[in-house]
C-alpha cells in the first residue's frame, strides 16, 4: 500500500516530505496555466492523494534548452536539496534543430551532477518535430534511450504521451498542454514516479 511506503525510510524521512525536483522547460513550468494547474502541482496532488508524503518543486523555465537547464542546475540544487528528480528537457533543443550530440552531452552532465548528490532520476523522453526528418528524429530520440541505461536513471519514454498533437489537450499554439493535458501527463507518468518511490531505500541513491 502507498500509505505504508514511508515506513522503510526511517524516522528522519518521516519527519519531512520526500523532495522531488521537476527540472524542465515551459512544459514543466506551466506555460499560460495557473500555478495549481502546472505539472509539479498536479503531480504533487496526485501523489499525496495516493498516500505519499512529497513536495514537488517547480524548477521549470519557459524556453529553456538542455544547456539552460545545466547552467542553472547548481543553483537549483542548492535551493532545493531534492531526493528525486524528474528531468524534462530537450523539447526546445528539438524545436530549434540543435545537434542531438550537444543535447546528449548536456543531459549527461545534468545526470552526472544529480548522481553526485545521490539524487535518483526519472528522465522524461522527448520526440523531435516531424518536419526535421526521420534521420534527425532517430538521432534525437536515441539520446534518451542511451541515457536510460545509466545507473540511477529511469526513463519515461515520452513526456507528452497521449497529449501531443491532440487539439483538445493543447493550447491554441498546439505545443503547450492545457490543464487537462497536464492531468493526462500526470496520470501516465504517475506509475513511474511511484515505482521510484516504492523502490527507494533510504530515498537517496548510493550511486
N, C-alpha and C. Protein backbone atom coordinates (compact mmCIF):
# COMPACT_ATOMS: atom_id res chain seq x y z
N UNK A 1 0.83 -1.20 0.00
CA UNK A 1 0.00 0.00 0.00
C UNK A 1 0.87 1.26 0.00
N UNK A 2 0.47 2.27 -0.73
CA UNK A 2 1.25 3.50 -0.80
C UNK A 2 1.40 4.15 0.56
N UNK A 3 0.37 4.02 1.41
CA UNK A 3 0.41 4.67 2.71
C UNK A 3 1.51 4.11 3.60
N UNK A 4 1.98 2.91 3.25
CA UNK A 4 2.99 2.27 4.08
C UNK A 4 4.40 2.49 3.56
N UNK A 5 4.53 3.11 2.37
CA UNK A 5 5.82 3.16 1.74
C UNK A 5 6.85 3.91 2.58
N UNK A 6 6.45 4.94 3.29
CA UNK A 6 7.41 5.72 4.06
C UNK A 6 7.99 4.97 5.24
N UNK A 7 7.38 3.88 5.64
CA UNK A 7 7.87 3.15 6.81
C UNK A 7 9.30 2.68 6.63
N UNK A 8 9.70 2.41 5.39
CA UNK A 8 11.05 1.92 5.14
C UNK A 8 12.09 3.02 5.19
N UNK A 9 11.66 4.25 5.27
CA UNK A 9 12.60 5.35 5.16
C UNK A 9 13.11 5.87 6.49
N UNK A 10 12.57 5.38 7.59
CA UNK A 10 13.09 5.76 8.89
C UNK A 10 12.50 7.05 9.42
N UNK A 11 12.79 7.33 10.67
CA UNK A 11 12.19 8.47 11.36
C UNK A 11 12.56 9.79 10.73
N UNK A 12 13.81 9.91 10.23
CA UNK A 12 14.23 11.18 9.64
C UNK A 12 13.41 11.51 8.41
N UNK A 13 13.23 10.50 7.53
CA UNK A 13 12.46 10.73 6.32
C UNK A 13 11.00 11.01 6.63
N UNK A 14 10.48 10.36 7.68
CA UNK A 14 9.09 10.57 8.04
C UNK A 14 8.83 12.00 8.49
N UNK A 15 9.86 12.66 9.02
CA UNK A 15 9.68 14.00 9.56
C UNK A 15 9.53 15.04 8.45
N UNK A 16 10.00 14.73 7.25
CA UNK A 16 9.96 15.69 6.16
C UNK A 16 9.45 15.01 4.89
N UNK A 17 8.76 15.74 4.04
CA UNK A 17 8.31 15.15 2.77
C UNK A 17 9.51 14.78 1.89
N UNK A 18 9.33 13.78 1.05
CA UNK A 18 10.32 13.47 0.03
C UNK A 18 10.29 14.60 -0.99
N UNK A 19 11.45 15.15 -1.30
CA UNK A 19 11.53 16.31 -2.19
C UNK A 19 11.81 15.84 -3.62
N UNK A 20 10.88 16.15 -4.51
CA UNK A 20 11.01 15.77 -5.91
C UNK A 20 11.22 17.04 -6.74
N UNK A 21 12.35 17.11 -7.41
CA UNK A 21 12.68 18.25 -8.26
C UNK A 21 12.14 18.01 -9.66
N UNK A 22 11.33 18.92 -10.17
CA UNK A 22 10.87 18.87 -11.56
C UNK A 22 11.68 19.91 -12.33
N UNK A 23 12.70 19.44 -13.02
CA UNK A 23 13.62 20.33 -13.75
C UNK A 23 13.24 20.29 -15.23
N UNK A 24 12.81 21.42 -15.76
CA UNK A 24 12.36 21.38 -17.14
C UNK A 24 12.19 22.75 -17.76
N UNK A 25 11.41 22.75 -18.83
CA UNK A 25 11.14 23.97 -19.59
C UNK A 25 9.70 24.41 -19.37
N UNK A 26 9.08 25.00 -20.38
CA UNK A 26 7.71 25.50 -20.22
C UNK A 26 6.70 24.40 -19.96
N UNK A 27 6.98 23.18 -20.40
CA UNK A 27 6.08 22.06 -20.16
C UNK A 27 6.00 21.73 -18.68
N UNK A 28 7.10 21.96 -17.98
CA UNK A 28 7.13 21.79 -16.52
C UNK A 28 6.65 23.05 -15.82
N UNK A 29 7.11 24.20 -16.31
CA UNK A 29 6.80 25.47 -15.64
C UNK A 29 5.30 25.74 -15.59
N UNK A 30 4.57 25.30 -16.63
CA UNK A 30 3.14 25.55 -16.67
C UNK A 30 2.81 26.78 -17.48
N UNK A 31 3.35 26.84 -18.69
CA UNK A 31 3.13 28.00 -19.56
C UNK A 31 1.64 28.30 -19.71
N UNK A 32 1.27 29.54 -19.39
CA UNK A 32 -0.10 30.03 -19.57
C UNK A 32 -1.12 29.32 -18.68
N UNK A 33 -0.65 28.69 -17.62
CA UNK A 33 -1.54 27.99 -16.69
C UNK A 33 -1.41 28.61 -15.30
N UNK A 34 -2.45 28.43 -14.49
CA UNK A 34 -2.35 28.82 -13.07
C UNK A 34 -1.37 27.89 -12.38
N UNK A 35 -0.77 28.36 -11.28
CA UNK A 35 0.24 27.58 -10.58
C UNK A 35 -0.26 26.19 -10.20
N UNK A 36 -1.50 26.10 -9.77
CA UNK A 36 -2.04 24.81 -9.33
C UNK A 36 -2.36 23.88 -10.49
N UNK A 37 -2.32 24.41 -11.72
CA UNK A 37 -2.59 23.59 -12.90
C UNK A 37 -1.31 23.04 -13.54
N UNK A 38 -0.16 23.57 -13.13
CA UNK A 38 1.11 23.16 -13.72
C UNK A 38 1.46 21.73 -13.32
N UNK A 39 2.36 21.13 -14.08
CA UNK A 39 2.75 19.74 -13.85
C UNK A 39 3.22 19.47 -12.42
N UNK A 40 4.13 20.27 -11.85
CA UNK A 40 4.58 19.94 -10.49
C UNK A 40 3.45 19.93 -9.46
N UNK A 41 2.56 20.90 -9.54
CA UNK A 41 1.46 20.97 -8.57
C UNK A 41 0.49 19.81 -8.75
N UNK A 42 0.17 19.49 -10.00
CA UNK A 42 -0.75 18.38 -10.23
C UNK A 42 -0.12 17.04 -9.84
N UNK A 43 1.17 16.89 -10.08
CA UNK A 43 1.85 15.66 -9.68
C UNK A 43 1.88 15.53 -8.16
N UNK A 44 2.19 16.62 -7.48
CA UNK A 44 2.22 16.57 -6.01
C UNK A 44 0.85 16.19 -5.46
N UNK A 45 -0.20 16.77 -6.00
CA UNK A 45 -1.54 16.44 -5.52
C UNK A 45 -1.86 14.96 -5.75
N UNK A 46 -1.53 14.46 -6.95
CA UNK A 46 -1.81 13.05 -7.25
C UNK A 46 -1.04 12.12 -6.32
N UNK A 47 0.20 12.45 -6.04
CA UNK A 47 1.00 11.61 -5.14
C UNK A 47 0.47 11.68 -3.72
N UNK A 48 0.11 12.86 -3.27
CA UNK A 48 -0.44 12.98 -1.93
C UNK A 48 -1.78 12.26 -1.81
N UNK A 49 -2.59 12.34 -2.86
CA UNK A 49 -3.86 11.62 -2.85
C UNK A 49 -3.63 10.12 -2.77
N UNK A 50 -2.48 9.66 -3.29
CA UNK A 50 -2.15 8.24 -3.25
C UNK A 50 -1.45 7.84 -1.95
N UNK A 51 -1.24 8.80 -1.06
CA UNK A 51 -0.68 8.49 0.25
C UNK A 51 0.81 8.75 0.40
N UNK A 52 1.42 9.39 -0.58
CA UNK A 52 2.85 9.68 -0.50
C UNK A 52 3.08 11.08 0.08
N UNK A 53 3.99 11.18 1.03
CA UNK A 53 4.33 12.47 1.64
C UNK A 53 5.45 13.09 0.82
N UNK A 54 5.08 13.95 -0.12
CA UNK A 54 6.05 14.51 -1.05
C UNK A 54 5.86 16.01 -1.19
N UNK A 55 6.91 16.66 -1.66
CA UNK A 55 6.85 18.06 -2.09
C UNK A 55 7.51 18.10 -3.46
N UNK A 56 6.76 18.53 -4.47
CA UNK A 56 7.30 18.61 -5.83
C UNK A 56 7.68 20.05 -6.12
N UNK A 57 8.92 20.26 -6.46
CA UNK A 57 9.49 21.60 -6.64
C UNK A 57 9.47 21.97 -8.12
N UNK A 58 8.85 23.08 -8.45
CA UNK A 58 8.76 23.53 -9.84
C UNK A 58 10.03 24.29 -10.22
N UNK A 59 10.90 23.60 -10.96
CA UNK A 59 12.12 24.22 -11.47
C UNK A 59 12.05 24.25 -12.99
N UNK A 60 10.89 24.60 -13.51
CA UNK A 60 10.71 24.76 -14.94
C UNK A 60 10.90 26.21 -15.35
N UNK A 61 11.57 26.42 -16.46
CA UNK A 61 11.79 27.76 -17.01
C UNK A 61 11.40 27.74 -18.48
N UNK A 62 10.42 28.54 -18.84
CA UNK A 62 9.95 28.58 -20.22
C UNK A 62 11.08 28.96 -21.17
N UNK A 63 11.18 28.22 -22.26
CA UNK A 63 12.21 28.50 -23.26
C UNK A 63 13.53 27.82 -23.00
N UNK A 64 13.67 27.15 -21.88
CA UNK A 64 14.95 26.54 -21.53
C UNK A 64 15.30 25.40 -22.47
N UNK A 65 16.56 25.36 -22.85
CA UNK A 65 17.14 24.23 -23.56
C UNK A 65 17.86 23.35 -22.54
N UNK A 66 18.41 22.24 -23.01
CA UNK A 66 19.19 21.39 -22.12
C UNK A 66 20.40 22.16 -21.58
N UNK A 67 20.97 23.03 -22.40
CA UNK A 67 22.11 23.84 -21.95
C UNK A 67 21.68 24.81 -20.85
N UNK A 68 20.49 25.39 -20.99
CA UNK A 68 20.00 26.30 -19.96
C UNK A 68 19.74 25.58 -18.66
N UNK A 69 19.17 24.39 -18.74
CA UNK A 69 18.94 23.61 -17.53
C UNK A 69 20.23 23.27 -16.82
N UNK A 70 21.24 22.90 -17.58
CA UNK A 70 22.55 22.60 -17.00
C UNK A 70 23.16 23.83 -16.34
N UNK A 71 23.03 24.98 -17.00
CA UNK A 71 23.65 26.20 -16.49
C UNK A 71 23.11 26.62 -15.14
N UNK A 72 21.85 26.33 -14.86
CA UNK A 72 21.26 26.75 -13.58
C UNK A 72 21.15 25.63 -12.56
N UNK A 73 21.66 24.46 -12.89
CA UNK A 73 21.45 23.30 -12.03
C UNK A 73 22.07 23.45 -10.65
N UNK A 74 23.29 23.94 -10.57
CA UNK A 74 23.95 24.07 -9.26
C UNK A 74 23.11 24.94 -8.33
N UNK A 75 22.60 26.05 -8.86
CA UNK A 75 21.78 26.94 -8.04
C UNK A 75 20.50 26.24 -7.61
N UNK A 76 19.86 25.55 -8.55
CA UNK A 76 18.62 24.84 -8.24
C UNK A 76 18.84 23.83 -7.13
N UNK A 77 19.93 23.07 -7.21
CA UNK A 77 20.21 22.05 -6.19
C UNK A 77 20.49 22.69 -4.83
N UNK A 78 21.18 23.81 -4.83
CA UNK A 78 21.48 24.47 -3.56
C UNK A 78 20.22 24.98 -2.89
N UNK A 79 19.20 25.31 -3.70
CA UNK A 79 17.95 25.85 -3.16
C UNK A 79 16.94 24.76 -2.80
N UNK A 80 17.07 23.56 -3.41
CA UNK A 80 16.02 22.57 -3.26
C UNK A 80 16.41 21.29 -2.53
N UNK A 81 17.67 20.89 -2.61
CA UNK A 81 18.15 19.65 -1.96
C UNK A 81 17.19 18.48 -2.20
N UNK A 82 16.98 18.09 -3.46
CA UNK A 82 15.98 17.06 -3.75
C UNK A 82 16.46 15.64 -3.44
N UNK A 83 15.50 14.74 -3.27
CA UNK A 83 15.78 13.32 -3.13
C UNK A 83 15.65 12.61 -4.48
N UNK A 84 14.67 13.05 -5.26
CA UNK A 84 14.41 12.52 -6.59
C UNK A 84 14.32 13.70 -7.56
N UNK A 85 14.58 13.42 -8.84
CA UNK A 85 14.47 14.47 -9.85
C UNK A 85 13.80 13.92 -11.10
N UNK A 86 12.88 14.70 -11.64
CA UNK A 86 12.30 14.42 -12.95
C UNK A 86 12.93 15.43 -13.90
N UNK A 87 13.67 14.95 -14.88
CA UNK A 87 14.37 15.83 -15.82
C UNK A 87 13.59 15.85 -17.13
N UNK A 88 12.97 16.98 -17.42
CA UNK A 88 12.15 17.17 -18.62
C UNK A 88 12.78 18.30 -19.43
N UNK A 89 13.77 17.95 -20.23
CA UNK A 89 14.48 18.94 -21.03
C UNK A 89 14.79 18.35 -22.41
N UNK A 90 14.91 19.22 -23.38
CA UNK A 90 15.25 18.79 -24.72
C UNK A 90 14.21 19.19 -25.76
N UNK A 91 12.99 19.50 -25.32
CA UNK A 91 11.95 19.87 -26.29
C UNK A 91 12.37 21.09 -27.10
N UNK A 92 12.94 22.08 -26.45
CA UNK A 92 13.35 23.29 -27.17
C UNK A 92 14.59 23.05 -28.02
N UNK A 93 15.43 22.10 -27.62
CA UNK A 93 16.56 21.71 -28.47
C UNK A 93 16.02 21.19 -29.80
N UNK A 94 14.99 20.31 -29.70
CA UNK A 94 14.41 19.75 -30.90
C UNK A 94 13.72 20.79 -31.75
N UNK A 95 12.97 21.68 -31.12
CA UNK A 95 12.26 22.73 -31.87
C UNK A 95 13.23 23.63 -32.63
N UNK A 96 14.42 23.80 -32.07
CA UNK A 96 15.42 24.65 -32.71
C UNK A 96 16.35 23.87 -33.63
N UNK A 97 16.17 22.56 -33.70
CA UNK A 97 17.01 21.73 -34.55
C UNK A 97 18.46 21.66 -34.11
N UNK A 98 18.69 21.76 -32.80
CA UNK A 98 20.05 21.72 -32.28
C UNK A 98 20.64 20.31 -32.44
N UNK A 99 21.94 20.25 -32.50
CA UNK A 99 22.65 18.98 -32.67
C UNK A 99 22.31 18.04 -31.53
N UNK A 100 21.75 16.85 -31.81
CA UNK A 100 21.43 15.92 -30.74
C UNK A 100 22.63 15.54 -29.88
N UNK A 101 23.82 15.58 -30.46
CA UNK A 101 25.02 15.27 -29.68
C UNK A 101 25.21 16.28 -28.55
N UNK A 102 24.90 17.54 -28.82
CA UNK A 102 25.01 18.57 -27.78
C UNK A 102 23.93 18.38 -26.72
N UNK A 103 22.72 18.02 -27.15
CA UNK A 103 21.66 17.73 -26.19
C UNK A 103 22.07 16.57 -25.30
N UNK A 104 22.61 15.54 -25.89
CA UNK A 104 23.06 14.39 -25.12
C UNK A 104 24.14 14.74 -24.12
N UNK A 105 25.08 15.57 -24.54
CA UNK A 105 26.17 15.97 -23.65
C UNK A 105 25.64 16.78 -22.47
N UNK A 106 24.70 17.67 -22.73
CA UNK A 106 24.12 18.47 -21.65
C UNK A 106 23.32 17.61 -20.68
N UNK A 107 22.50 16.71 -21.20
CA UNK A 107 21.71 15.84 -20.33
C UNK A 107 22.61 14.90 -19.54
N UNK A 108 23.69 14.44 -20.16
CA UNK A 108 24.66 13.61 -19.43
C UNK A 108 25.25 14.37 -18.26
N UNK A 109 25.63 15.62 -18.49
CA UNK A 109 26.20 16.44 -17.42
C UNK A 109 25.19 16.68 -16.31
N UNK A 110 23.92 16.89 -16.68
CA UNK A 110 22.87 17.07 -15.67
C UNK A 110 22.71 15.81 -14.83
N UNK A 111 22.68 14.67 -15.49
CA UNK A 111 22.52 13.40 -14.79
C UNK A 111 23.70 13.15 -13.85
N UNK A 112 24.91 13.38 -14.35
CA UNK A 112 26.08 13.15 -13.51
C UNK A 112 26.10 14.09 -12.30
N UNK A 113 25.66 15.33 -12.50
CA UNK A 113 25.62 16.27 -11.38
C UNK A 113 24.60 15.82 -10.35
N UNK A 114 23.43 15.37 -10.78
CA UNK A 114 22.41 14.89 -9.85
C UNK A 114 22.90 13.64 -9.12
N UNK A 115 23.53 12.73 -9.85
CA UNK A 115 24.02 11.50 -9.23
C UNK A 115 25.10 11.80 -8.19
N UNK A 116 25.87 12.83 -8.44
CA UNK A 116 26.92 13.20 -7.48
C UNK A 116 26.32 13.57 -6.13
N UNK A 117 25.10 14.10 -6.15
CA UNK A 117 24.39 14.42 -4.92
C UNK A 117 23.52 13.27 -4.43
N UNK A 118 23.61 12.11 -5.10
CA UNK A 118 22.82 10.96 -4.70
C UNK A 118 21.35 11.06 -5.04
N UNK A 119 21.01 11.89 -6.02
CA UNK A 119 19.61 12.09 -6.40
C UNK A 119 19.21 11.05 -7.44
N UNK A 120 18.12 10.36 -7.20
CA UNK A 120 17.59 9.41 -8.18
C UNK A 120 16.87 10.19 -9.28
N UNK A 121 16.91 9.64 -10.50
CA UNK A 121 16.49 10.42 -11.67
C UNK A 121 15.47 9.68 -12.50
N UNK A 122 14.39 10.39 -12.86
CA UNK A 122 13.46 9.93 -13.87
C UNK A 122 13.62 10.87 -15.06
N UNK A 123 14.16 10.35 -16.14
CA UNK A 123 14.39 11.15 -17.34
C UNK A 123 13.16 11.05 -18.24
N UNK A 124 12.60 12.21 -18.59
CA UNK A 124 11.43 12.25 -19.46
C UNK A 124 11.88 12.38 -20.91
N UNK A 125 11.56 11.38 -21.71
CA UNK A 125 11.95 11.41 -23.11
C UNK A 125 11.17 12.43 -23.92
N UNK A 126 11.76 12.81 -25.03
CA UNK A 126 11.13 13.76 -25.94
C UNK A 126 11.22 13.24 -27.37
N UNK A 127 10.39 13.75 -28.24
CA UNK A 127 10.44 13.42 -29.66
C UNK A 127 10.70 14.69 -30.45
N UNK A 128 11.43 14.53 -31.54
CA UNK A 128 11.74 15.68 -32.39
C UNK A 128 10.54 16.03 -33.26
N UNK A 129 10.40 17.30 -33.64
CA UNK A 129 9.33 17.69 -34.56
C UNK A 129 9.45 16.92 -35.87
N UNK A 130 8.35 16.45 -36.44
CA UNK A 130 8.42 15.63 -37.67
C UNK A 130 9.01 16.36 -38.86
N UNK A 131 8.94 17.69 -38.89
CA UNK A 131 9.44 18.43 -40.04
C UNK A 131 10.96 18.40 -40.15
N UNK A 132 11.65 17.91 -39.11
CA UNK A 132 13.12 17.85 -39.14
C UNK A 132 13.63 16.56 -39.78
N UNK A 133 12.73 15.67 -40.11
CA UNK A 133 13.13 14.47 -40.84
C UNK A 133 13.40 13.27 -39.95
N UNK A 134 13.35 12.10 -40.59
CA UNK A 134 13.48 10.84 -39.86
C UNK A 134 14.88 10.65 -39.27
N UNK A 135 15.90 11.07 -40.00
CA UNK A 135 17.27 10.88 -39.52
C UNK A 135 17.52 11.69 -38.24
N UNK A 136 17.11 12.94 -38.27
CA UNK A 136 17.28 13.78 -37.07
C UNK A 136 16.46 13.21 -35.92
N UNK A 137 15.23 12.79 -36.19
CA UNK A 137 14.37 12.26 -35.13
C UNK A 137 15.00 11.03 -34.49
N UNK A 138 15.56 10.15 -35.29
CA UNK A 138 16.19 8.94 -34.76
C UNK A 138 17.38 9.29 -33.87
N UNK A 139 18.20 10.23 -34.31
CA UNK A 139 19.36 10.63 -33.51
C UNK A 139 18.93 11.30 -32.21
N UNK A 140 17.91 12.14 -32.32
CA UNK A 140 17.43 12.88 -31.15
C UNK A 140 16.85 11.93 -30.11
N UNK A 141 15.99 11.03 -30.53
CA UNK A 141 15.32 10.13 -29.59
C UNK A 141 16.28 9.10 -29.02
N UNK A 142 17.34 8.76 -29.76
CA UNK A 142 18.34 7.81 -29.26
C UNK A 142 19.09 8.36 -28.06
N UNK A 143 19.17 9.68 -27.95
CA UNK A 143 19.85 10.30 -26.80
C UNK A 143 19.23 9.82 -25.50
N UNK A 144 17.91 9.79 -25.43
CA UNK A 144 17.22 9.42 -24.20
C UNK A 144 17.36 7.93 -23.91
N UNK A 145 17.28 7.13 -24.95
CA UNK A 145 17.42 5.68 -24.77
C UNK A 145 18.81 5.34 -24.23
N UNK A 146 19.82 6.03 -24.73
CA UNK A 146 21.18 5.76 -24.27
C UNK A 146 21.36 6.17 -22.81
N UNK A 147 20.83 7.31 -22.44
CA UNK A 147 20.99 7.79 -21.06
C UNK A 147 20.22 6.93 -20.07
N UNK A 148 19.16 6.30 -20.53
CA UNK A 148 18.34 5.47 -19.64
C UNK A 148 19.10 4.25 -19.14
N UNK A 149 20.19 3.89 -19.79
CA UNK A 149 20.96 2.74 -19.35
C UNK A 149 21.95 3.05 -18.25
N UNK A 150 22.01 4.28 -17.81
CA UNK A 150 22.98 4.66 -16.78
C UNK A 150 22.45 4.35 -15.39
N UNK A 151 23.35 4.05 -14.45
CA UNK A 151 22.92 3.75 -13.07
C UNK A 151 22.14 4.90 -12.46
N UNK A 152 21.07 4.56 -11.75
CA UNK A 152 20.29 5.58 -11.05
C UNK A 152 19.35 6.36 -11.92
N UNK A 153 19.19 5.95 -13.21
CA UNK A 153 18.34 6.68 -14.15
C UNK A 153 17.23 5.76 -14.67
N UNK A 154 15.99 6.20 -14.52
CA UNK A 154 14.85 5.52 -15.12
C UNK A 154 14.32 6.41 -16.24
N UNK A 155 13.67 5.80 -17.23
CA UNK A 155 13.18 6.56 -18.38
C UNK A 155 11.66 6.49 -18.47
N UNK A 156 11.04 7.66 -18.59
CA UNK A 156 9.64 7.75 -19.02
C UNK A 156 9.72 8.09 -20.50
N UNK A 157 9.31 7.19 -21.39
CA UNK A 157 9.66 7.31 -22.81
C UNK A 157 9.31 8.63 -23.48
N UNK A 158 8.14 9.20 -23.19
CA UNK A 158 7.74 10.43 -23.88
C UNK A 158 6.86 11.26 -22.96
N UNK A 159 7.36 12.42 -22.58
CA UNK A 159 6.66 13.25 -21.60
C UNK A 159 5.25 13.63 -22.07
N UNK A 160 5.07 13.84 -23.36
CA UNK A 160 3.78 14.29 -23.90
C UNK A 160 2.93 13.12 -24.41
N UNK A 161 3.22 11.93 -23.96
CA UNK A 161 2.46 10.76 -24.38
C UNK A 161 0.97 10.95 -24.11
N UNK A 162 0.16 10.73 -25.14
CA UNK A 162 -1.29 10.88 -25.01
C UNK A 162 -1.78 12.31 -25.14
N UNK A 163 -0.86 13.24 -25.26
CA UNK A 163 -1.22 14.66 -25.30
C UNK A 163 -0.75 15.33 -26.59
N UNK A 164 0.43 15.00 -27.05
CA UNK A 164 0.98 15.63 -28.26
C UNK A 164 0.03 15.45 -29.44
N UNK A 165 -0.17 16.54 -30.17
CA UNK A 165 -0.99 16.56 -31.39
C UNK A 165 -2.47 16.34 -31.14
N UNK A 166 -2.89 16.41 -29.89
CA UNK A 166 -4.32 16.30 -29.57
C UNK A 166 -4.86 17.70 -29.31
N UNK A 167 -5.63 18.27 -30.24
CA UNK A 167 -6.10 19.65 -30.07
C UNK A 167 -6.90 19.87 -28.80
N UNK A 168 -7.60 18.86 -28.35
CA UNK A 168 -8.42 19.01 -27.16
C UNK A 168 -7.63 19.07 -25.87
N UNK A 169 -6.33 18.74 -25.93
CA UNK A 169 -5.49 18.72 -24.73
C UNK A 169 -4.36 19.75 -24.80
N UNK A 170 -4.35 20.55 -25.87
CA UNK A 170 -3.30 21.55 -26.03
C UNK A 170 -3.89 22.95 -26.20
N UNK A 171 -3.09 23.92 -25.85
CA UNK A 171 -3.49 25.31 -26.03
C UNK A 171 -3.48 25.64 -27.53
N UNK A 172 -3.87 26.85 -27.87
CA UNK A 172 -4.01 27.23 -29.27
C UNK A 172 -2.72 27.12 -30.06
N UNK A 173 -1.57 27.20 -29.38
CA UNK A 173 -0.30 27.09 -30.09
C UNK A 173 0.00 25.67 -30.54
N UNK A 174 -0.77 24.70 -30.04
CA UNK A 174 -0.57 23.31 -30.42
C UNK A 174 0.65 22.67 -29.80
N UNK A 175 1.32 23.37 -28.90
CA UNK A 175 2.56 22.88 -28.28
C UNK A 175 2.41 22.66 -26.79
N UNK A 176 1.77 23.62 -26.12
CA UNK A 176 1.70 23.58 -24.67
C UNK A 176 0.37 22.98 -24.20
N UNK A 177 0.43 22.02 -23.29
CA UNK A 177 -0.80 21.38 -22.81
C UNK A 177 -1.69 22.34 -22.03
N UNK A 178 -2.98 22.06 -22.09
CA UNK A 178 -3.94 22.72 -21.22
C UNK A 178 -3.85 22.06 -19.84
N UNK A 179 -4.64 22.57 -18.90
CA UNK A 179 -4.67 21.96 -17.56
C UNK A 179 -5.10 20.50 -17.65
N UNK A 180 -6.06 20.21 -18.52
CA UNK A 180 -6.50 18.82 -18.70
C UNK A 180 -5.39 18.00 -19.34
N UNK A 181 -4.64 18.61 -20.26
CA UNK A 181 -3.49 17.91 -20.86
C UNK A 181 -2.46 17.54 -19.82
N UNK A 182 -2.18 18.46 -18.90
CA UNK A 182 -1.25 18.17 -17.81
C UNK A 182 -1.79 17.04 -16.94
N UNK A 183 -3.08 17.04 -16.73
CA UNK A 183 -3.70 15.97 -15.94
C UNK A 183 -3.43 14.60 -16.58
N UNK A 184 -3.53 14.54 -17.91
CA UNK A 184 -3.25 13.29 -18.62
C UNK A 184 -1.78 12.90 -18.46
N UNK A 185 -0.89 13.87 -18.59
CA UNK A 185 0.54 13.61 -18.40
C UNK A 185 0.79 13.03 -17.02
N UNK A 186 0.19 13.64 -16.01
CA UNK A 186 0.38 13.15 -14.63
C UNK A 186 -0.16 11.74 -14.48
N UNK A 187 -1.33 11.47 -15.03
CA UNK A 187 -1.91 10.14 -14.95
C UNK A 187 -0.97 9.09 -15.53
N UNK A 188 -0.32 9.43 -16.63
CA UNK A 188 0.53 8.45 -17.32
C UNK A 188 1.91 8.31 -16.70
N UNK A 189 2.45 9.38 -16.17
CA UNK A 189 3.79 9.31 -15.57
C UNK A 189 3.74 8.82 -14.13
N UNK A 190 2.58 8.91 -13.51
CA UNK A 190 2.46 8.60 -12.08
C UNK A 190 3.00 7.22 -11.72
N UNK A 191 2.68 6.16 -12.46
CA UNK A 191 3.22 4.85 -12.07
C UNK A 191 4.75 4.79 -12.07
N UNK A 192 5.39 5.55 -12.95
CA UNK A 192 6.84 5.58 -12.98
C UNK A 192 7.40 6.25 -11.73
N UNK A 193 6.73 7.33 -11.31
CA UNK A 193 7.18 8.05 -10.12
C UNK A 193 6.95 7.21 -8.86
N UNK A 194 5.78 6.59 -8.75
CA UNK A 194 5.50 5.79 -7.56
C UNK A 194 6.42 4.57 -7.51
N UNK A 195 6.77 4.02 -8.66
CA UNK A 195 7.71 2.90 -8.68
C UNK A 195 9.06 3.31 -8.09
N UNK A 196 9.50 4.51 -8.43
CA UNK A 196 10.76 5.00 -7.87
C UNK A 196 10.65 5.22 -6.38
N UNK A 197 9.53 5.76 -5.94
CA UNK A 197 9.34 5.98 -4.52
C UNK A 197 9.27 4.66 -3.76
N UNK A 198 8.56 3.69 -4.30
CA UNK A 198 8.42 2.40 -3.64
C UNK A 198 9.74 1.65 -3.58
N UNK A 199 10.59 1.86 -4.58
CA UNK A 199 11.87 1.14 -4.64
C UNK A 199 12.96 1.84 -3.85
N UNK A 200 12.71 3.07 -3.42
CA UNK A 200 13.74 3.84 -2.73
C UNK A 200 14.13 3.20 -1.42
N UNK A 201 15.41 3.06 -1.22
CA UNK A 201 15.95 2.52 0.04
C UNK A 201 16.69 3.66 0.71
N UNK A 202 16.05 4.31 1.67
CA UNK A 202 16.65 5.49 2.26
C UNK A 202 16.55 6.70 1.35
N UNK A 203 15.73 6.58 0.29
CA UNK A 203 15.44 7.63 -0.69
C UNK A 203 16.64 7.93 -1.57
N UNK A 204 17.72 8.36 -0.99
CA UNK A 204 18.85 8.80 -1.82
C UNK A 204 19.65 7.60 -2.32
N UNK A 205 20.12 7.72 -3.53
CA UNK A 205 20.90 6.67 -4.16
C UNK A 205 22.31 6.64 -3.59
N UNK A 206 22.91 5.46 -3.61
CA UNK A 206 24.30 5.34 -3.19
C UNK A 206 25.23 5.55 -4.37
N UNK A 207 24.65 5.76 -5.55
CA UNK A 207 25.47 5.96 -6.76
C UNK A 207 26.26 7.26 -6.66
